[in-house]
Amino acid sequence: MASRKLVLGLTAARRLRPRVPVLVSSSPLLEASTSTSHAAAAATHAMQGSRVGPWGQFLSTRTLSSTRQVAQPAGDAPGPSSVDHRSILPEDEFHKLADETIHDLLEKLEEYGDSLQMDGFDIDYGNQVLTLRLGELGTYVVNKQTPNRQIWLSSPASGPSRFDWDASTNGWIYRRTGANLVQLLEKEIGELCGSPVELS
């Protein structure tokens, strides 16, 4: 009984022999996507000279990708963006610079609010978060993000921004636009309140 099943299996494999290579070679989904796929392709080519049937050839190429085609040439594949850890501020230096900046802003904005006499003007500092309320004009929030070594700003005028310390300008710079934190606040708050403010 077992020998009859074996004979039937071999007969079925012979009938599939002309079809399997055509199906495999014409499928765009079986594009090689890794260097191991190239090794598998070489092994398959080597087996073509031997007496391994098409099903054995197909199984030997299981490292081929069946999910998507790869269009990028070798060597041009983008990797994860590397972080230059030498450029990250030491944590204690970050706290010193960020705290000085936020405390200077707090002091100058309190003076500005006293001279402005604007309804709804309120400034608060707690849990390392500086909050400036300008009544109906909106609210500014400035806070430290220690893991990123950044100061984050939420502005009713320009939206959210993330500022990194720039030693060459001795200030906090938003890399996307090149804006300086203190200068941006001076410009926006002065325009919103209708009176210039000096924060530097």
Protein backbone atom coordinates (compact mmCIF):
# COMPACT_ATOMS: atom_id res chain seq x y z
CA MET A 1 0.00 0.00 0.00
CA ALA A 2 2.78 2.44 0.95
CA SER A 3 4.70 1.62 -2.24
CA ARG A 4 1.58 2.31 -4.33
CA LYS A 5 1.24 5.78 -2.72
CA LEU A 6 4.90 6.46 -3.46
CA VAL A 7 4.43 5.50 -7.12
CA LEU A 8 1.32 7.70 -7.38
CA GLY A 9 3.22 10.62 -5.82
CA LEU A 10 6.10 10.22 -8.28
CA THR A 11 3.67 10.02 -11.19
CA ALA A 12 1.94 13.23 -10.03
CA ALA A 13 5.32 14.98 -9.68
CA ARG A 14 6.22 13.98 -13.28
CA ARG A 15 2.95 15.48 -14.53
CA LEU A 16 3.69 18.75 -12.66
CA ARG A 17 7.28 18.98 -13.92
CA PRO A 18 6.60 21.15 -16.99
CA ARG A 19 4.17 23.41 -15.13
CA VAL A 20 6.01 24.27 -11.92
CA PRO A 21 9.05 26.01 -13.47
CA VAL A 22 6.74 28.12 -15.65
CA LEU A 23 4.62 29.19 -12.66
CA VAL A 24 7.63 30.03 -10.55
CA SER A 25 9.54 31.90 -13.26
CA SER A 26 6.54 33.92 -14.42
CA SER A 27 5.45 35.09 -10.98
CA PRO A 28 6.47 38.73 -10.29
CA LEU A 29 5.95 38.12 -6.59
CA LEU A 30 8.95 35.85 -6.31
CA GLU A 31 11.48 38.66 -6.71
CA ALA A 32 14.69 38.16 -4.75
CA SER A 33 14.86 40.60 -1.87
CA THR A 34 17.84 39.58 0.22
CA SER A 35 21.39 38.43 -0.27
CA THR A 36 20.32 34.99 0.96
CA SER A 37 17.89 34.87 -1.95
CA HIS A 38 20.82 35.14 -4.35
CA ALA A 39 22.43 32.17 -2.63
CA ALA A 40 19.17 30.24 -2.97
CA ALA A 41 18.99 31.13 -6.67
CA ALA A 42 22.55 29.86 -7.16
CA ALA A 43 21.66 26.64 -5.32
CA THR A 44 18.59 26.22 -7.53
CA HIS A 45 20.68 26.70 -10.65
CA ALA A 46 23.14 24.09 -9.42
CA MET A 47 20.30 21.65 -8.72
CA GLN A 48 18.91 21.98 -12.23
CA GLY A 49 21.78 19.83 -13.44
CA SER A 50 21.01 17.21 -10.78
CA ARG A 51 17.98 14.97 -10.58
CA VAL A 52 15.98 17.11 -8.13
CA GLY A 53 12.43 17.56 -9.38
CA PRO A 54 10.64 20.89 -9.79
CA TRP A 55 8.93 20.60 -6.41
CA GLY A 56 12.33 20.15 -4.77
CA GLN A 57 13.63 23.15 -6.68
CA PHE A 58 10.66 25.21 -5.56
CA LEU A 59 11.14 24.22 -1.91
CA SER A 60 14.84 25.07 -2.10
CA THR A 61 13.97 28.66 -3.01
CA ARG A 62 11.82 29.36 0.05
CA THR A 63 14.04 32.32 0.99
CA LEU A 64 12.59 34.20 -1.97
CA SER A 65 10.19 36.95 -1.02
CA SER A 66 6.59 36.37 -1.99
CA THR A 67 5.20 39.64 -0.68
CA ARG A 68 6.54 42.45 -2.86
CA GLN A 69 8.98 43.35 -5.55
CA VAL A 70 12.17 45.16 -4.73
CA ALA A 71 12.89 48.15 -6.96
CA GLN A 72 15.96 49.58 -5.21
CA PRO A 73 19.41 48.81 -6.57
CA ALA A 74 21.82 47.16 -4.19
CA GLY A 75 23.76 49.59 -2.03
CA ASP A 76 21.12 52.33 -2.21
CA ALA A 77 18.77 50.91 0.40
CA PRO A 78 17.99 53.51 3.08
CA GLY A 79 18.86 52.45 6.59
CA PRO A 80 17.61 53.86 9.86
CA SER A 81 18.79 57.40 10.39
CA SER A 82 21.84 57.31 12.59
CA VAL A 83 22.11 59.54 15.61
CA ASP A 84 25.41 61.26 16.23
CA HIS A 85 25.58 60.79 20.00
CA ARG A 86 28.52 63.18 20.22
CA SER A 87 26.19 66.02 19.23
CA ILE A 88 23.72 65.33 22.06
CA LEU A 89 24.18 67.60 25.05
CA PRO A 90 25.08 65.94 28.34
CA GLU A 91 21.95 65.92 30.49
CA ASP A 92 23.29 68.24 33.20
CA GLU A 93 24.38 70.81 30.59
CA PHE A 94 20.99 70.56 28.88
CA HIS A 95 19.16 71.25 32.17
CA LYS A 96 21.41 74.23 32.91
CA LEU A 97 20.88 75.82 29.48
CA ALA A 98 17.15 75.06 29.28
CA ASP A 99 16.43 76.22 32.84
CA GLU A 100 18.32 79.48 32.26
CA THR A 101 16.35 80.13 29.08
CA ILE A 102 12.95 79.33 30.59
CA HIS A 103 13.62 81.34 33.77
CA ASP A 104 14.80 84.33 31.69
CA LEU A 105 11.62 84.10 29.62
CA LEU A 106 9.52 83.93 32.80
CA GLU A 107 11.16 87.03 34.29
CA LYS A 108 10.98 89.10 31.09
CA LEU A 109 7.38 88.08 30.33
CA GLU A 110 6.28 89.00 33.88
CA GLU A 111 7.78 92.47 33.39
CA TYR A 112 6.13 92.73 29.98
CA GLY A 113 2.75 91.72 31.42
CA ASP A 114 3.02 94.34 34.18
CA SER A 115 3.72 97.09 31.65
CA LEU A 116 1.07 95.90 29.19
CA GLN A 117 -2.00 95.84 31.45
CA MET A 118 -3.81 93.42 29.12
CA ASP A 119 -6.97 91.56 30.10
CA GLY A 120 -6.36 87.83 30.34
CA PHE A 121 -2.55 88.13 30.42
CA ASP A 122 -1.26 85.50 32.85
CA ILE A 123 2.04 83.72 33.20
CA ASP A 124 2.66 80.57 35.23
CA TYR A 125 5.63 78.29 35.80
CA GLY A 126 5.23 74.87 37.42
CA ASN A 127 6.52 71.33 36.89
CA GLN A 128 9.13 72.75 34.49
CA VAL A 129 6.40 74.07 32.19
CA LEU A 130 6.05 77.77 31.35
CA THR A 131 2.51 78.76 30.38
CA LEU A 132 1.67 82.20 28.99
CA ARG A 133 -2.02 83.00 28.57
CA LEU A 134 -2.97 85.94 26.38
CA GLY A 135 -6.71 85.87 27.02
CA GLU A 136 -8.68 85.32 23.81
CA LEU A 137 -5.48 85.52 21.74
CA GLY A 138 -4.35 82.06 22.85
CA THR A 139 -1.87 80.29 25.08
CA TYR A 140 1.85 79.62 24.76
CA VAL A 141 3.44 76.60 26.43
CA VAL A 142 7.22 76.18 26.75
CA ASN A 143 8.67 73.03 28.30
CA LYS A 144 11.77 70.86 28.40
CA GLN A 145 12.00 67.48 26.70
CA THR A 146 14.99 65.91 28.41
CA PRO A 147 15.27 62.65 26.39
CA ASN A 148 15.52 64.68 23.16
CA ARG A 149 17.54 67.52 24.74
CA GLN A 150 14.99 69.96 23.30
CA ILE A 151 12.73 72.79 24.35
CA TRP A 152 9.25 72.39 22.94
CA LEU A 153 6.99 75.32 22.16
CA SER A 154 3.26 75.29 21.56
CA SER A 155 2.22 78.56 19.95
CA PRO A 156 -1.26 79.86 19.06
CA ALA A 157 0.34 81.62 16.08
CA SER A 158 2.83 79.12 14.62
CA GLY A 159 1.85 75.79 16.19
CA PRO A 160 4.24 73.26 17.74
CA SER A 161 8.02 73.58 17.39
CA ARG A 162 11.01 71.69 18.80
CA PHE A 163 14.16 73.67 19.51
CA ASP A 164 17.67 72.23 19.79
CA TRP A 165 20.61 73.99 21.42
CA ASP A 166 22.96 75.52 18.84
CA ALA A 167 26.34 76.38 20.34
CA SER A 168 27.38 78.42 17.29
CA THR A 169 24.52 80.89 17.81
CA ASN A 170 24.30 80.37 21.56
CA GLY A 171 20.54 79.83 21.30
CA TRP A 172 17.70 77.38 20.81
CA ILE A 173 17.05 76.81 17.10
CA TYR A 174 14.16 75.07 15.32
CA ARG A 175 16.02 73.01 12.73
CA ARG A 176 13.14 72.86 10.26
CA THR A 177 12.91 76.63 9.82
CA GLY A 178 16.09 77.96 11.43
CA ALA A 179 13.99 80.09 13.83
CA ASN A 180 15.47 81.15 17.16
CA LEU A 181 13.16 80.46 20.14
CA VAL A 182 13.54 83.86 21.83
CA GLN A 183 13.32 85.84 18.59
CA LEU A 184 10.24 83.90 17.49
CA LEU A 185 8.51 84.61 20.81
CA GLU A 186 9.42 88.32 20.62
CA LYS A 187 7.97 88.58 17.12
CA GLU A 188 4.76 86.62 17.74
CA ILE A 189 3.89 88.00 21.18
CA GLY A 190 4.67 91.56 20.08
CA GLU A 191 2.38 91.19 17.06
CA LEU A 192 -0.44 89.51 19.02
CA CYS A 193 -0.38 92.02 21.87
CA GLY A 194 0.29 95.05 19.68
CA SER A 195 3.31 96.11 21.72
CA PRO A 196 6.99 95.14 21.23
CA VAL A 197 8.56 92.82 23.80
CA GLU A 198 12.25 92.41 24.62
CA LEU A 199 13.04 88.85 25.74
CA SER A 200 16.75 88.54 24.97
